[in-house]
N, C-alpha and C. Protein backbone atom coordinates (compact mmCIF):
# COMPACT_ATOMS: atom_id res chain seq x y z
N MET A 1 0.82 -1.07 -0.05
CA MET A 1 -0.19 0.14 -0.03
C MET A 1 0.85 1.41 -0.12
N GLU A 2 0.46 2.16 -0.90
CA GLU A 2 1.74 3.26 -0.98
C GLU A 2 1.21 4.32 0.18
N LYS A 3 2.00 5.23 0.18
CA LYS A 3 1.78 6.13 1.52
C LYS A 3 0.95 7.49 0.95
N PRO A 4 0.33 7.92 1.33
CA PRO A 4 -0.42 9.18 1.10
C PRO A 4 1.01 10.50 1.09
N VAL A 5 0.84 11.31 -0.26
CA VAL A 5 1.69 12.09 -0.52
C VAL A 5 1.68 13.06 0.90
N SER A 6 3.13 13.68 1.40
CA SER A 6 3.66 14.17 2.33
C SER A 6 3.13 15.89 1.76
N ASN A 7 3.24 16.42 2.98
CA ASN A 7 3.13 17.60 2.95
C ASN A 7 4.23 18.59 1.84
N GLU A 8 5.10 18.08 2.01
CA GLU A 8 6.66 18.41 1.40
C GLU A 8 6.44 18.37 -0.02
N LYS A 9 6.04 17.17 -0.37
CA LYS A 9 5.73 16.70 -2.01
C LYS A 9 4.62 17.39 -2.23
N LEU A 10 3.49 17.28 -1.65
CA LEU A 10 2.23 18.32 -2.31
C LEU A 10 2.88 19.67 -2.39
N ALA A 11 3.07 20.51 -1.95
CA ALA A 11 3.98 21.29 -2.03
C ALA A 11 4.97 21.83 -2.95
N TYR A 12 5.88 20.65 -3.44
CA TYR A 12 6.19 20.82 -4.58
C TYR A 12 5.37 20.80 -5.64
N TYR A 13 4.61 20.06 -5.90
CA TYR A 13 3.34 19.81 -6.75
C TYR A 13 3.12 21.55 -7.18
N GLN A 14 2.50 21.84 -5.79
CA GLN A 14 1.80 23.18 -6.37
C GLN A 14 2.55 23.94 -6.44
N GLU A 15 3.61 24.36 -6.50
CA GLU A 15 4.38 25.06 -7.12
C GLU A 15 4.75 24.82 -8.42
N PHE A 16 4.88 23.87 -8.68
CA PHE A 16 5.03 23.29 -10.03
C PHE A 16 3.97 23.70 -11.08
N LEU A 17 2.87 23.68 -10.45
CA LEU A 17 1.63 24.07 -11.20
C LEU A 17 1.63 25.75 -11.39
N GLU A 18 2.91 26.25 -10.78
CA GLU A 18 2.64 27.86 -10.83
C GLU A 18 3.73 28.24 -12.28
N ILE A 19 4.08 26.84 -12.12
CA ILE A 19 5.72 27.00 -13.13
C ILE A 19 4.94 26.77 -15.16
N ILE A 20 4.50 26.10 -14.62
CA ILE A 20 4.06 24.89 -15.92
C ILE A 20 3.51 25.92 -17.30
N PRO A 21 2.60 27.16 -16.91
CA PRO A 21 1.97 27.80 -17.52
C PRO A 21 3.20 28.73 -18.53
N MET A 22 4.26 28.70 -18.32
CA MET A 22 5.39 29.73 -18.59
C MET A 22 6.02 29.31 -19.76
N LEU A 23 5.67 27.42 -19.61
CA LEU A 23 6.34 26.79 -20.63
C LEU A 23 5.49 26.64 -21.72
N PHE A 24 4.66 27.32 -22.17
CA PHE A 24 3.54 26.84 -23.11
C PHE A 24 3.19 28.41 -23.62
N GLN A 25 3.16 28.35 -24.74
CA GLN A 25 2.70 29.19 -25.12
C GLN A 25 1.00 29.89 -25.62
N GLU A 26 0.52 28.36 -25.45
CA GLU A 26 -1.06 28.24 -25.53
C GLU A 26 -1.96 28.31 -23.88
N ASP A 27 -2.75 28.22 -23.84
CA ASP A 27 -3.20 28.41 -22.66
C ASP A 27 -3.42 26.46 -22.08
N VAL A 28 -3.05 26.80 -20.45
CA VAL A 28 -3.06 25.46 -19.66
C VAL A 28 -4.17 25.35 -19.19
N SER A 29 -4.60 24.28 -18.68
CA SER A 29 -5.73 24.27 -17.48
C SER A 29 -5.15 22.59 -17.18
N MET A 30 -4.95 22.62 -15.76
CA MET A 30 -4.16 21.46 -14.87
C MET A 30 -5.06 21.36 -13.91
N ALA A 31 -4.81 19.85 -13.13
CA ALA A 31 -5.82 19.82 -12.16
C ALA A 31 -4.72 18.82 -11.37
N LEU A 32 -4.07 19.06 -9.72
CA LEU A 32 -3.56 17.99 -9.00
C LEU A 32 -4.04 17.46 -8.24
N ALA A 33 -4.43 16.07 -8.32
CA ALA A 33 -5.23 15.18 -7.41
C ALA A 33 -4.96 14.58 -6.73
N ASP A 34 -5.49 13.74 -5.52
CA ASP A 34 -4.80 12.34 -4.95
C ASP A 34 -5.90 11.05 -5.10
N MET A 35 -6.03 10.86 -6.31
CA MET A 35 -6.92 9.90 -6.78
C MET A 35 -8.29 10.09 -6.27
N LYS A 36 -8.65 10.88 -5.20
CA LYS A 36 -9.98 10.91 -5.20
C LYS A 36 -10.27 12.35 -4.95
N THR A 37 -9.61 13.38 -4.75
CA THR A 37 -10.04 14.46 -4.65
C THR A 37 -9.36 15.45 -5.24
N PHE A 38 -9.83 16.55 -5.92
CA PHE A 38 -8.68 17.43 -6.77
C PHE A 38 -8.15 18.14 -5.74
N ILE A 39 -7.31 18.48 -5.22
CA ILE A 39 -6.21 19.09 -4.52
C ILE A 39 -6.46 20.67 -4.87
N ASP A 40 -5.72 20.55 -6.29
CA ASP A 40 -5.31 21.77 -7.17
C ASP A 40 -5.69 22.34 -8.02
N VAL A 41 -6.96 22.95 -8.52
CA VAL A 41 -7.01 23.02 -9.94
C VAL A 41 -6.68 24.62 -10.82
N ARG A 42 -5.89 24.67 -11.64
CA ARG A 42 -5.90 25.68 -12.23
C ARG A 42 -6.32 26.10 -13.37
N VAL A 43 -7.40 26.99 -14.03
CA VAL A 43 -7.86 27.02 -14.92
C VAL A 43 -7.45 28.42 -15.65
N SER A 44 -7.44 28.00 -17.32
CA SER A 44 -7.15 29.64 -17.88
C SER A 44 -8.33 29.73 -18.92
N GLU A 45 -7.99 31.02 -19.23
CA GLU A 45 -9.51 31.66 -19.30
C GLU A 45 -10.01 30.53 -20.83
N GLY A 46 -8.75 30.62 -21.86
CA GLY A 46 -9.27 29.70 -23.11
C GLY A 46 -9.38 28.57 -23.04
N LEU A 47 -8.84 27.95 -21.85
CA LEU A 47 -8.99 26.51 -21.64
C LEU A 47 -10.21 25.86 -20.55
N PRO A 48 -11.13 25.97 -20.59
CA PRO A 48 -11.91 25.65 -19.28
C PRO A 48 -11.58 24.12 -18.69
N LEU A 49 -11.68 24.00 -17.76
CA LEU A 49 -11.57 22.61 -17.02
C LEU A 49 -12.62 22.34 -15.85
N ASN A 50 -13.25 21.49 -16.39
CA ASN A 50 -14.84 21.07 -15.59
C ASN A 50 -14.27 20.21 -14.43
N ALA A 51 -13.45 21.10 -13.28
CA ALA A 51 -13.21 20.31 -12.21
C ALA A 51 -12.52 21.41 -11.26
N LYS A 52 -13.41 21.65 -9.98
CA LYS A 52 -12.82 22.37 -8.80
C LYS A 52 -12.42 21.73 -7.51
N THR A 53 -11.12 22.72 -7.06
CA THR A 53 -10.24 22.21 -5.83
C THR A 53 -11.32 21.85 -5.03
N GLY A 54 -11.11 20.53 -4.26
CA GLY A 54 -12.39 19.63 -3.63
C GLY A 54 -12.82 18.60 -3.75
N GLN A 55 -13.22 19.00 -4.99
CA GLN A 55 -14.21 18.21 -5.80
C GLN A 55 -13.78 16.91 -5.72
N ALA A 56 -14.41 16.09 -5.46
CA ALA A 56 -14.36 14.58 -5.88
C ALA A 56 -13.79 14.10 -7.53
N VAL A 57 -12.92 13.25 -7.56
CA VAL A 57 -12.23 13.17 -9.12
C VAL A 57 -13.31 11.99 -9.42
N PRO A 58 -13.74 11.73 -10.63
CA PRO A 58 -14.69 11.03 -11.05
C PRO A 58 -14.41 9.93 -11.18
N GLN A 59 -15.18 8.62 -11.09
CA GLN A 59 -14.57 6.98 -11.47
C GLN A 59 -13.89 6.93 -12.80
N GLY A 60 -13.60 6.24 -13.09
CA GLY A 60 -13.13 6.62 -14.79
C GLY A 60 -12.56 7.21 -15.95
N GLY A 61 -12.64 8.24 -15.37
CA GLY A 61 -12.09 9.52 -15.60
C GLY A 61 -10.37 9.29 -16.18
N ALA A 62 -9.95 10.41 -17.06
CA ALA A 62 -8.52 9.94 -17.40
C ALA A 62 -7.71 10.53 -15.99
N GLN A 63 -8.46 11.59 -14.93
CA GLN A 63 -7.35 11.66 -14.11
C GLN A 63 -7.69 10.81 -13.08
N SER A 64 -8.34 10.06 -13.25
CA SER A 64 -8.50 8.90 -12.14
C SER A 64 -7.17 7.80 -12.20
N THR A 65 -6.62 7.84 -13.37
CA THR A 65 -5.87 6.76 -13.90
C THR A 65 -4.70 6.78 -13.31
N ARG A 66 -4.11 6.20 -12.69
CA ARG A 66 -2.62 5.90 -12.03
C ARG A 66 -1.43 5.95 -13.11
N LEU A 67 -0.80 6.54 -13.31
CA LEU A 67 0.83 6.57 -14.07
C LEU A 67 1.99 5.83 -13.41
């Protein structure tokens, strides 16, 4: 069984969400989830994302697939 994401690791990924849009010329939307709940959601104007921070991750969706 995997350990939950530590606060330190979570903080790292949340900081990374700030940097990602700088790497693209196009709009970028993204979500950080822990397989059950969206922890952080970043949505650009031109690329809507149907997810909200604190919302449950839907079963069977792309975001519920473990890498």
